[in-house]
Each structure stands twice: as C-alpha cells, then as structure tokens.
Amino acid sequence: MAGRWAGWLFVLPALAVYGVFVLRPLALTAQYSLYRWDGVGPSTWVGWDNYAAVFTDPDLVAPLAHALLLVVAFAAGPVLLGLALAAAVRPGPSLVLLLPQAVPPIAAGLAWSVLLSSTGAVNRSLEAVGLHGVARTWLGDSSTALAAVGVIGAWALLGTCALLLSAGVRRLDPALYEAARLDGAGRWREFRAVTLPGVRREVGVCVVITSVAALSSFDVVYVTTLGGPGGATSVPALEVFHLAFTERQVGLASALAVVLVVLVLAVVAPVLRWSR
C-alpha cells in the first residue's frame, strides 16, 4: 500500500503540470464557448448559440469538411507508400525519407510554394514533357489548392510512417515468411497474410498521427495559402485563429475549437480500437 502511494507522489508533479497547462485551458475554452465575448470587455451568456453557428454558417462548416478531406490526403499517401516501402525494402527505407521531419513546417511551406508556383519546378517539368495544359498555379487555383496542401502534408509525414512501419516489419518472425513461401504464397499473398496483420498496430499509430496532423493543420496552410483562394483551403485551426485574434469573437472561436477536439476524438477512437 505504501509503495502504491509513493508511486503517485512521483507522478504528482507531472499531473499538476498537465492539469494547469492542458486540462485547465480545455475547461476555460469550453466555458468561453458558451459566451459572446470580444476577449476584453464584459461577456454575455448565449448558451449553445455559438455551436449552432458552427454547424449552420457555411464559412465555418467548410473548414470542417476541408479538414476531413485532408485526413484522407495526409493518411492515405504516407501509410500506403510506407507499407510498400517497408514490405519491399526489408532492411528499412533510407533515412533520406526522414529529412522532411528535420525541416520546420514554415520552411517546408515556403519551399513548396515556390515549387508549385506558375514558374516553379513542377510546372516546368510538366511543360518539358509536353503537358502544357496541365500546368497551373497549383496553390492559387481553387480547384487544386486543397489537393496541393494535401500533397505537402503527405510529403512531410511519409518519413515517420515509413520508419514506424519498417520497424514493425523487421520485428516479424522470418519463419512466418518461410512458411508462407513453402505454401506457395507469392509476394502479394505474403503481404496480405503475414506483413499486413503483423504491422496492424503500427498502421494504427500512423493513421492516428497523420489524422491528428491533418485536423490540427495550421502552419503549412497559413504559409502557403492563408486559407485561400476564396476559402478553398480554410481549416478549423486557421478559422479559430482568425475569429479569436482578427474578428475578436472569442466565444465563437472557442466553440469551433471544442468541435475540433470532438472531431479529433471521433476520428482517432475507432482507429485505436481497430489496431488493438
């Protein structure tokens, strides 16, 4: 009994810091979401009106839809390519794939803005192979801007997913692959029967990491498009910043932030349950 209480004494400082800097801001955000407040003057109780605005105002519904589309872009590319690399290169993919992790998101956004501009390397490459009609200002065209942001996010997360999935493949028992080959399994059947079930937890971790990155994306969008053109790439985190610090609608910004937290939990919880 004494040992158990001694353990709690060791974690008490960490719990106190977590409570002050994580739980308390969450509780205050939930409280502010029920008021109309400019952040300085007196606040007015409005109940659930801010939440009603989040789900009925097209300018606030669109960022939530964009965030869900980015979840697909941020997760699908890195996880599928990471699985392919991990299965094809058993010793592990090159550490070169981890280089995007060493680049700050702001710098990555600026670099990709140059690459995807009308005179950037992407358009020059397309024109060099005769695809003049495909070339465009990828981040300035409302039909391609969100997809371009998705490509940037997928590029940034590919290294992490490839490393995690490669570590998962390397811990699998080689005898499983030998048994599969003795049964006449080809590479595809070997991947479906041995590799994919064996790295299920790693796939779950990758999907959680990429989904949270997509739903909370801010820096790359802020640097590359600032939510434009015409709101085509607006995301919840950017809208929260805009509402709170530009329009001084702290209550509405808090309601959108709470909805974003619930959305993250709704996306992540099924993945964690599946990957157990």
Protein backbone atom coordinates (compact mmCIF):
# COMPACT_ATOMS: atom_id res chain seq x y z
CA MET A 1 0.00 0.00 0.00
CA ALA A 2 2.82 2.39 0.94
CA GLY A 3 4.59 1.64 -2.35
CA ARG A 4 1.47 2.50 -4.35
CA TRP A 5 1.14 5.91 -2.70
CA ALA A 6 4.87 6.50 -3.19
CA GLY A 7 4.34 5.96 -6.92
CA TRP A 8 1.59 8.59 -7.00
CA LEU A 9 3.95 11.04 -5.27
CA PHE A 10 6.45 10.58 -8.14
CA VAL A 11 3.87 11.36 -10.85
CA LEU A 12 2.16 14.16 -8.91
CA PRO A 13 4.37 16.98 -10.33
CA ALA A 14 3.70 15.81 -13.90
CA LEU A 15 -0.04 15.56 -13.19
CA ALA A 16 -0.02 19.07 -11.75
CA VAL A 17 1.72 20.49 -14.84
CA TYR A 18 -0.68 18.58 -17.12
CA GLY A 19 -3.67 19.88 -15.20
CA VAL A 20 -2.53 23.52 -15.29
CA PHE A 21 -1.32 23.68 -18.89
CA VAL A 22 -3.68 21.18 -20.64
CA LEU A 23 -6.84 20.45 -18.67
CA ARG A 24 -7.43 23.99 -17.35
CA PRO A 25 -7.17 25.64 -20.83
CA LEU A 26 -9.55 22.99 -22.17
CA ALA A 27 -12.07 23.74 -19.42
CA LEU A 28 -11.76 27.51 -19.99
CA THR A 29 -12.23 27.06 -23.76
CA ALA A 30 -15.41 25.06 -23.11
CA GLN A 31 -16.61 27.81 -20.75
CA TYR A 32 -15.85 30.65 -23.20
CA SER A 33 -17.73 28.78 -25.96
CA LEU A 34 -21.00 29.48 -24.13
CA TYR A 35 -20.50 33.26 -24.12
CA ARG A 36 -20.33 36.11 -26.63
CA TRP A 37 -17.05 37.82 -25.72
CA ASP A 38 -14.51 40.02 -27.51
CA GLY A 39 -11.69 38.94 -25.19
CA VAL A 40 -11.52 42.22 -23.28
CA GLY A 41 -14.92 43.61 -22.31
CA PRO A 42 -17.81 42.01 -20.45
CA SER A 43 -19.13 38.69 -21.72
CA THR A 44 -22.75 37.76 -22.48
CA TRP A 45 -24.24 34.30 -21.90
CA VAL A 46 -25.53 32.87 -25.22
CA GLY A 47 -25.79 29.16 -24.34
CA TRP A 48 -25.48 26.88 -27.39
CA ASP A 49 -25.81 29.70 -29.96
CA ASN A 50 -22.10 29.58 -30.82
CA TYR A 51 -22.30 25.83 -31.53
CA ALA A 52 -25.40 26.38 -33.66
CA ALA A 53 -23.42 28.95 -35.67
CA VAL A 54 -20.55 26.48 -36.17
CA PHE A 55 -22.89 23.93 -37.79
CA THR A 56 -25.03 26.36 -39.81
CA ASP A 57 -22.62 29.05 -41.03
CA PRO A 58 -21.20 27.90 -44.41
CA ASP A 59 -17.96 29.77 -43.66
CA LEU A 60 -17.45 27.55 -40.59
CA VAL A 61 -18.83 24.26 -41.98
CA ALA A 62 -16.49 24.37 -45.00
CA PRO A 63 -13.26 24.30 -42.88
CA LEU A 64 -14.52 21.21 -41.05
CA ALA A 65 -15.19 19.48 -44.40
CA HIS A 66 -11.74 20.52 -45.65
CA ALA A 67 -10.13 19.06 -42.51
CA LEU A 68 -11.82 15.69 -43.13
CA LEU A 69 -10.57 15.69 -46.74
CA LEU A 70 -7.06 16.47 -45.50
CA VAL A 71 -7.28 13.45 -43.16
CA VAL A 72 -7.61 11.25 -46.26
CA ALA A 73 -4.73 13.02 -48.04
CA PHE A 74 -2.39 13.12 -45.03
CA ALA A 75 -3.08 9.48 -44.03
CA ALA A 76 -3.58 7.55 -47.27
CA GLY A 77 -0.39 8.55 -49.08
CA PRO A 78 2.13 8.14 -46.24
CA VAL A 79 0.58 4.92 -44.89
CA LEU A 80 0.23 3.18 -48.27
CA LEU A 81 3.65 4.28 -49.52
CA GLY A 82 5.18 3.49 -46.11
CA LEU A 83 3.71 -0.03 -46.23
CA ALA A 84 5.00 -0.55 -49.76
CA LEU A 85 8.50 0.63 -48.81
CA ALA A 86 8.57 -1.41 -45.61
CA ALA A 87 7.48 -4.58 -47.44
CA ALA A 88 9.80 -4.07 -50.42
CA VAL A 89 12.92 -2.93 -48.53
CA ARG A 90 13.20 -5.27 -45.57
CA PRO A 91 16.40 -3.73 -44.05
CA GLY A 92 14.47 -0.50 -43.84
CA PRO A 93 13.85 2.53 -46.07
CA SER A 94 16.58 5.11 -46.46
CA LEU A 95 16.98 7.74 -43.76
CA VAL A 96 16.62 10.28 -46.59
CA LEU A 97 12.87 9.84 -46.13
CA LEU A 98 13.21 11.33 -42.65
CA LEU A 99 14.64 14.60 -43.95
CA PRO A 100 11.17 16.28 -44.15
CA GLN A 101 10.93 15.79 -40.36
CA ALA A 102 14.03 17.97 -39.93
CA VAL A 103 12.51 20.81 -41.97
CA PRO A 104 10.30 23.25 -39.99
CA PRO A 105 6.73 23.33 -41.39
CA ILE A 106 7.07 27.05 -42.14
CA ALA A 107 10.20 26.44 -44.24
CA ALA A 108 8.58 23.44 -45.95
CA GLY A 109 5.53 25.53 -46.81
CA LEU A 110 7.66 28.31 -48.29
CA ALA A 111 9.70 25.82 -50.33
CA TRP A 112 6.61 24.11 -51.72
CA SER A 113 5.05 27.49 -52.53
CA VAL A 114 7.98 28.15 -54.86
CA LEU A 115 7.89 24.65 -56.36
CA LEU A 116 4.13 24.85 -57.06
CA SER A 117 4.10 28.43 -58.39
CA SER A 118 3.32 29.21 -62.04
CA THR A 119 7.05 29.31 -62.86
CA GLY A 120 8.06 26.62 -60.35
CA ALA A 121 9.81 23.32 -60.91
CA VAL A 122 6.55 21.33 -61.05
CA ASN A 123 5.13 23.33 -63.95
CA ARG A 124 8.49 23.45 -65.75
CA SER A 125 8.70 19.64 -65.50
CA LEU A 126 5.17 19.23 -66.88
CA GLU A 127 5.89 21.62 -69.76
CA ALA A 128 9.16 19.80 -70.51
CA VAL A 129 7.21 16.59 -71.23
CA GLY A 130 4.55 18.39 -73.29
CA LEU A 131 1.83 18.71 -70.62
CA HIS A 132 1.34 22.46 -71.06
CA GLY A 133 -2.41 22.22 -70.44
CA VAL A 134 -1.91 20.61 -67.03
CA ALA A 135 0.45 23.30 -65.72
CA ARG A 136 -1.18 25.87 -63.43
CA THR A 137 -0.68 27.83 -60.21
CA TRP A 138 -1.47 24.86 -58.01
CA LEU A 139 -1.88 26.73 -54.73
CA GLY A 140 -3.67 29.67 -56.37
CA ASP A 141 -6.33 27.65 -58.21
CA SER A 142 -9.40 26.88 -56.08
CA SER A 143 -9.84 23.51 -57.81
CA THR A 144 -6.33 22.27 -56.92
CA ALA A 145 -5.27 24.25 -53.84
CA LEU A 146 -6.62 21.82 -51.21
CA ALA A 147 -5.12 18.83 -53.04
CA ALA A 148 -1.78 20.66 -53.21
CA VAL A 149 -1.87 21.25 -49.44
CA GLY A 150 -2.64 17.55 -49.03
CA VAL A 151 0.44 16.64 -51.07
CA ILE A 152 2.63 18.87 -48.88
CA GLY A 153 1.28 17.24 -45.72
CA ALA A 154 1.72 13.74 -47.13
CA TRP A 155 5.34 14.55 -48.08
CA ALA A 156 6.06 15.79 -44.56
CA LEU A 157 4.61 12.68 -42.88
CA LEU A 158 5.91 9.97 -45.24
CA GLY A 159 9.23 9.55 -43.39
CA THR A 160 7.62 9.00 -39.99
CA CYS A 161 5.18 6.40 -41.35
CA ALA A 162 7.88 4.60 -43.35
CA LEU A 163 10.14 4.38 -40.28
CA LEU A 164 7.38 3.10 -37.96
CA LEU A 165 6.12 0.53 -40.48
CA SER A 166 9.65 -0.62 -41.30
CA ALA A 167 10.34 -1.21 -37.60
CA GLY A 168 7.11 -3.22 -37.43
CA VAL A 169 8.08 -5.39 -40.41
CA ARG A 170 11.57 -6.05 -39.02
CA ARG A 171 10.20 -7.41 -35.74
CA LEU A 172 8.11 -10.06 -37.56
CA ASP A 173 9.38 -13.64 -37.29
CA PRO A 174 11.17 -14.63 -40.57
CA ALA A 175 9.78 -18.15 -40.08
CA LEU A 176 6.34 -16.78 -40.97
CA TYR A 177 7.61 -15.69 -44.39
CA GLU A 178 9.37 -19.04 -44.93
CA ALA A 179 6.16 -20.90 -44.07
CA ALA A 180 4.19 -18.70 -46.46
CA ARG A 181 6.67 -19.41 -49.29
CA LEU A 182 6.53 -23.17 -48.59
CA ASP A 183 2.74 -22.90 -49.03
CA GLY A 184 3.34 -21.34 -52.43
CA ALA A 185 2.41 -17.78 -51.48
CA GLY A 186 3.53 -15.01 -53.85
CA ARG A 187 4.66 -11.54 -52.77
CA TRP A 188 1.11 -10.11 -52.73
CA ARG A 189 -0.36 -13.03 -50.75
CA GLU A 190 2.66 -12.92 -48.41
CA PHE A 191 1.97 -9.23 -47.83
CA ARG A 192 -1.77 -9.82 -47.13
CA ALA A 193 -1.30 -12.90 -44.92
CA VAL A 194 1.87 -12.03 -42.97
CA THR A 195 3.01 -8.41 -43.29
CA LEU A 196 -0.29 -6.53 -43.03
CA PRO A 197 -1.68 -8.40 -39.97
CA GLY A 198 1.75 -8.21 -38.32
CA VAL A 199 2.03 -4.42 -38.54
CA ARG A 200 -1.59 -3.69 -37.63
CA ARG A 201 -0.65 -1.69 -34.52
CA GLU A 202 1.95 0.34 -36.40
CA VAL A 203 -0.61 1.13 -39.10
CA GLY A 204 -2.98 2.32 -36.36
CA VAL A 205 -0.30 4.58 -34.86
CA CYS A 206 0.48 6.05 -38.30
CA VAL A 207 -3.20 6.73 -39.04
CA VAL A 208 -3.62 8.43 -35.65
CA ILE A 209 -0.52 10.62 -36.13
CA THR A 210 -1.46 11.65 -39.67
CA SER A 211 -5.14 12.23 -38.80
CA VAL A 212 -4.30 14.50 -35.87
CA ALA A 213 -1.79 16.37 -38.06
CA ALA A 214 -4.48 16.90 -40.71
CA LEU A 215 -7.21 18.03 -38.32
CA SER A 216 -4.89 20.41 -36.46
CA SER A 217 -3.04 21.69 -39.55
CA PHE A 218 -2.30 25.40 -39.37
CA ASP A 219 1.27 26.38 -40.18
CA VAL A 220 1.50 24.92 -43.69
CA VAL A 221 -1.91 26.34 -44.68
CA TYR A 222 -1.08 29.74 -43.17
CA VAL A 223 2.21 29.99 -45.09
CA THR A 224 1.08 28.59 -48.45
CA THR A 225 -2.49 29.85 -49.00
CA LEU A 226 -3.71 31.68 -45.87
CA GLY A 227 -6.95 29.73 -46.34
CA GLY A 228 -7.49 30.90 -49.93
CA PRO A 229 -8.21 31.19 -52.72
CA GLY A 230 -11.79 32.06 -51.78
CA GLY A 231 -11.68 29.90 -48.65
CA ALA A 232 -10.84 26.75 -50.65
CA THR A 233 -8.16 25.70 -48.14
CA SER A 234 -9.55 27.15 -44.92
CA VAL A 235 -9.19 24.73 -41.98
CA PRO A 236 -10.59 24.83 -38.43
CA ALA A 237 -7.33 25.82 -36.71
CA LEU A 238 -6.89 28.77 -39.10
CA GLU A 239 -10.50 29.85 -38.57
CA VAL A 240 -10.07 29.69 -34.77
CA PHE A 241 -7.04 31.98 -35.08
CA HIS A 242 -8.90 34.34 -37.42
CA LEU A 243 -12.04 34.53 -35.25
CA ALA A 244 -10.18 34.98 -31.96
CA PHE A 245 -7.42 37.42 -32.94
CA THR A 246 -8.79 39.25 -36.02
CA GLU A 247 -12.56 39.42 -35.51
CA ARG A 248 -12.33 39.18 -31.71
CA GLN A 249 -15.14 36.63 -31.48
CA VAL A 250 -13.56 34.58 -28.70
CA GLY A 251 -16.77 32.70 -27.85
CA LEU A 252 -17.36 31.53 -31.42
CA ALA A 253 -13.67 30.64 -31.83
CA SER A 254 -13.84 28.60 -28.61
CA ALA A 255 -16.93 26.73 -29.85
CA LEU A 256 -15.15 25.85 -33.10
CA ALA A 257 -12.11 24.69 -31.11
CA VAL A 258 -14.29 22.42 -28.93
CA VAL A 259 -15.94 20.95 -32.05
CA LEU A 260 -12.46 20.33 -33.49
CA VAL A 261 -11.42 18.43 -30.32
CA VAL A 262 -14.56 16.27 -30.56
CA LEU A 263 -13.86 15.66 -34.25
CA VAL A 264 -10.29 14.53 -33.47
CA LEU A 265 -11.59 12.08 -30.83
CA ALA A 266 -14.28 10.79 -33.23
CA VAL A 267 -11.68 10.07 -35.90
CA VAL A 268 -8.97 8.66 -33.62
CA ALA A 269 -11.06 6.45 -31.29
CA PRO A 270 -12.21 3.91 -33.94
CA VAL A 271 -8.66 3.63 -35.29
CA LEU A 272 -7.25 2.90 -31.83
CA ARG A 273 -9.97 0.30 -31.23
CA TRP A 274 -9.25 -1.39 -34.59
CA SER A 275 -5.49 -1.51 -34.01
CA ARG A 276 -5.59 -3.19 -30.58
